[in-house]
Amino acid sequence: MSNEDTLRAEYPADLIKSGVRGKYASRYRKGTNVVVIDPDLHKIFPDSESVNRALRQYAEEHQISQA
């Protein structure tokens, strides 16, 4: 690893300094549940709400409990 400064010129220093350190750290510690779906499915399920609705319907139809 090099000690050379590798920050690209297109990233303004004021933008970098405006960030909040650890802003999402507590969420990350709790765990994540991100699932990447294939592009063809994204056309059918464009957002979290549509995915959740479909999964709940599937679970209900197949009598899968949320235990």
N, C-alpha and C. Protein backbone atom coordinates (compact mmCIF):
# COMPACT_ATOMS: atom_id res chain seq x y z
N MET A 1 0.84 -1.18 0.00
CA MET A 1 0.00 0.00 0.00
C MET A 1 0.89 1.24 0.00
N SER A 2 0.48 2.21 -0.79
CA SER A 2 1.27 3.43 -0.93
C SER A 2 0.77 4.52 0.00
N ASN A 3 1.66 5.35 0.46
CA ASN A 3 1.29 6.51 1.28
C ASN A 3 0.95 7.71 0.43
N GLU A 4 1.01 7.54 -0.88
CA GLU A 4 0.74 8.63 -1.79
C GLU A 4 -0.74 9.04 -1.71
N ASP A 5 -1.01 10.33 -1.78
CA ASP A 5 -2.38 10.84 -1.76
C ASP A 5 -3.06 10.45 -3.06
N THR A 6 -4.14 9.70 -2.97
CA THR A 6 -4.79 9.20 -4.18
C THR A 6 -6.17 9.80 -4.39
N LEU A 7 -6.51 10.86 -3.66
CA LEU A 7 -7.80 11.50 -3.84
C LEU A 7 -7.85 12.19 -5.19
N ARG A 8 -8.85 11.85 -5.95
CA ARG A 8 -8.96 12.43 -7.29
C ARG A 8 -9.35 13.91 -7.21
N ALA A 9 -8.93 14.67 -8.18
CA ALA A 9 -9.19 16.11 -8.22
C ALA A 9 -10.68 16.42 -8.32
N GLU A 10 -11.47 15.53 -8.91
CA GLU A 10 -12.90 15.80 -9.08
C GLU A 10 -13.70 15.69 -7.77
N TYR A 11 -13.06 15.22 -6.70
CA TYR A 11 -13.71 15.18 -5.40
C TYR A 11 -13.28 16.40 -4.59
N PRO A 12 -14.13 17.41 -4.50
CA PRO A 12 -13.75 18.63 -3.78
C PRO A 12 -13.54 18.37 -2.30
N ALA A 13 -12.56 18.99 -1.73
CA ALA A 13 -12.21 18.79 -0.32
C ALA A 13 -13.37 19.17 0.60
N ASP A 14 -14.12 20.23 0.27
CA ASP A 14 -15.23 20.64 1.13
C ASP A 14 -16.33 19.59 1.17
N LEU A 15 -16.51 18.84 0.09
CA LEU A 15 -17.48 17.75 0.07
C LEU A 15 -17.03 16.62 0.99
N ILE A 16 -15.77 16.29 0.93
CA ILE A 16 -15.22 15.23 1.75
C ILE A 16 -15.32 15.60 3.24
N LYS A 17 -15.03 16.82 3.57
CA LYS A 17 -15.06 17.28 4.95
C LYS A 17 -16.46 17.39 5.52
N SER A 18 -17.47 17.47 4.65
CA SER A 18 -18.84 17.66 5.12
C SER A 18 -19.49 16.35 5.57
N GLY A 19 -18.85 15.23 5.35
CA GLY A 19 -19.40 13.93 5.74
C GLY A 19 -19.46 13.77 7.24
N VAL A 20 -20.36 12.90 7.68
CA VAL A 20 -20.51 12.60 9.10
C VAL A 20 -19.92 11.23 9.37
N ARG A 21 -18.90 11.17 10.18
CA ARG A 21 -18.22 9.91 10.48
C ARG A 21 -19.14 8.99 11.29
N GLY A 22 -19.28 7.77 10.82
CA GLY A 22 -20.07 6.77 11.54
C GLY A 22 -21.57 6.96 11.46
N LYS A 23 -22.04 7.72 10.49
CA LYS A 23 -23.46 8.04 10.37
C LYS A 23 -24.33 6.79 10.33
N TYR A 24 -23.89 5.75 9.65
CA TYR A 24 -24.68 4.54 9.51
C TYR A 24 -24.10 3.35 10.28
N ALA A 25 -23.17 3.61 11.16
CA ALA A 25 -22.48 2.53 11.88
C ALA A 25 -23.43 1.68 12.71
N SER A 26 -24.38 2.30 13.40
CA SER A 26 -25.30 1.52 14.24
C SER A 26 -26.20 0.63 13.39
N ARG A 27 -26.64 1.15 12.25
CA ARG A 27 -27.46 0.32 11.34
C ARG A 27 -26.65 -0.87 10.84
N TYR A 28 -25.40 -0.61 10.50
CA TYR A 28 -24.55 -1.68 9.97
C TYR A 28 -24.32 -2.76 11.01
N ARG A 29 -24.11 -2.36 12.27
CA ARG A 29 -23.89 -3.34 13.33
C ARG A 29 -25.10 -4.23 13.54
N LYS A 30 -26.28 -3.69 13.30
CA LYS A 30 -27.51 -4.48 13.46
C LYS A 30 -27.65 -5.53 12.35
N GLY A 31 -26.92 -5.36 11.29
CA GLY A 31 -26.98 -6.29 10.18
C GLY A 31 -27.71 -5.69 9.01
N THR A 32 -27.51 -6.28 7.90
CA THR A 32 -28.16 -5.81 6.69
C THR A 32 -29.00 -6.93 6.09
N ASN A 33 -29.95 -6.55 5.28
CA ASN A 33 -30.78 -7.54 4.61
C ASN A 33 -30.97 -7.18 3.15
N VAL A 34 -29.95 -6.66 2.56
CA VAL A 34 -30.00 -6.26 1.16
C VAL A 34 -29.90 -7.49 0.27
N VAL A 35 -30.80 -7.56 -0.69
CA VAL A 35 -30.80 -8.65 -1.66
C VAL A 35 -30.78 -8.02 -3.04
N VAL A 36 -29.89 -8.47 -3.88
CA VAL A 36 -29.81 -7.95 -5.25
C VAL A 36 -30.62 -8.88 -6.15
N ILE A 37 -31.57 -8.27 -6.87
CA ILE A 37 -32.38 -9.07 -7.78
C ILE A 37 -31.92 -8.85 -9.22
N ASP A 38 -32.21 -9.81 -10.07
CA ASP A 38 -31.80 -9.73 -11.46
C ASP A 38 -32.57 -8.62 -12.19
N PRO A 39 -31.98 -8.07 -13.24
CA PRO A 39 -32.61 -6.96 -13.97
C PRO A 39 -34.01 -7.28 -14.48
N ASP A 40 -34.25 -8.51 -14.93
CA ASP A 40 -35.58 -8.84 -15.43
C ASP A 40 -36.62 -8.80 -14.32
N LEU A 41 -36.23 -9.17 -13.10
CA LEU A 41 -37.15 -9.10 -11.97
C LEU A 41 -37.34 -7.66 -11.51
N HIS A 42 -36.35 -6.83 -11.69
CA HIS A 42 -36.47 -5.43 -11.30
C HIS A 42 -37.57 -4.74 -12.09
N LYS A 43 -37.80 -5.19 -13.30
CA LYS A 43 -38.89 -4.63 -14.10
C LYS A 43 -40.25 -4.95 -13.48
N ILE A 44 -40.36 -6.10 -12.84
CA ILE A 44 -41.61 -6.53 -12.21
C ILE A 44 -41.72 -5.96 -10.80
N PHE A 45 -40.60 -5.94 -10.09
CA PHE A 45 -40.56 -5.48 -8.70
C PHE A 45 -39.59 -4.29 -8.61
N PRO A 46 -40.04 -3.09 -8.93
CA PRO A 46 -39.14 -1.95 -9.00
C PRO A 46 -38.73 -1.33 -7.67
N ASP A 47 -39.40 -1.74 -6.57
CA ASP A 47 -39.05 -1.13 -5.29
C ASP A 47 -39.30 -2.12 -4.14
N SER A 48 -38.87 -1.73 -2.95
CA SER A 48 -39.00 -2.60 -1.78
C SER A 48 -40.45 -2.97 -1.49
N GLU A 49 -41.34 -2.01 -1.66
CA GLU A 49 -42.75 -2.26 -1.37
C GLU A 49 -43.31 -3.39 -2.22
N SER A 50 -43.01 -3.40 -3.50
CA SER A 50 -43.53 -4.44 -4.39
C SER A 50 -42.92 -5.81 -4.07
N VAL A 51 -41.65 -5.83 -3.70
CA VAL A 51 -40.99 -7.09 -3.32
C VAL A 51 -41.61 -7.63 -2.04
N ASN A 52 -41.76 -6.76 -1.03
CA ASN A 52 -42.34 -7.19 0.24
C ASN A 52 -43.76 -7.69 0.07
N ARG A 53 -44.56 -7.01 -0.72
CA ARG A 53 -45.94 -7.42 -0.97
C ARG A 53 -45.98 -8.81 -1.61
N ALA A 54 -45.14 -9.05 -2.60
CA ALA A 54 -45.10 -10.34 -3.28
C ALA A 54 -44.63 -11.45 -2.34
N LEU A 55 -43.62 -11.16 -1.53
CA LEU A 55 -43.12 -12.17 -0.60
C LEU A 55 -44.15 -12.51 0.48
N ARG A 56 -44.86 -11.50 0.96
CA ARG A 56 -45.90 -11.76 1.96
C ARG A 56 -47.03 -12.61 1.38
N GLN A 57 -47.41 -12.29 0.15
CA GLN A 57 -48.46 -13.07 -0.51
C GLN A 57 -48.00 -14.52 -0.71
N TYR A 58 -46.76 -14.70 -1.14
CA TYR A 58 -46.21 -16.04 -1.33
C TYR A 58 -46.21 -16.81 -0.01
N ALA A 59 -45.75 -16.16 1.06
CA ALA A 59 -45.69 -16.81 2.37
C ALA A 59 -47.09 -17.20 2.84
N GLU A 60 -48.06 -16.33 2.62
CA GLU A 60 -49.43 -16.62 3.04
C GLU A 60 -50.01 -17.79 2.24
N GLU A 61 -49.80 -17.78 0.94
CA GLU A 61 -50.33 -18.84 0.09
C GLU A 61 -49.70 -20.20 0.38
N HIS A 62 -48.46 -20.19 0.84
CA HIS A 62 -47.76 -21.43 1.13
C HIS A 62 -47.72 -21.73 2.62
N GLN A 63 -48.50 -20.98 3.36
CA GLN A 63 -48.63 -21.17 4.81
C GLN A 63 -47.29 -21.20 5.52
N ILE A 64 -46.46 -20.24 5.19
CA ILE A 64 -45.15 -20.10 5.81
C ILE A 64 -45.27 -19.08 6.92
N SER A 65 -44.95 -19.48 8.15
CA SER A 65 -45.07 -18.57 9.28
C SER A 65 -43.85 -17.68 9.40
N GLN A 66 -43.99 -16.56 10.08
CA GLN A 66 -42.89 -15.61 10.27
C GLN A 66 -42.22 -15.83 11.62
N ALA A 67 -42.17 -17.04 12.08
CA ALA A 67 -41.60 -17.36 13.40
C ALA A 67 -40.17 -17.12 13.46
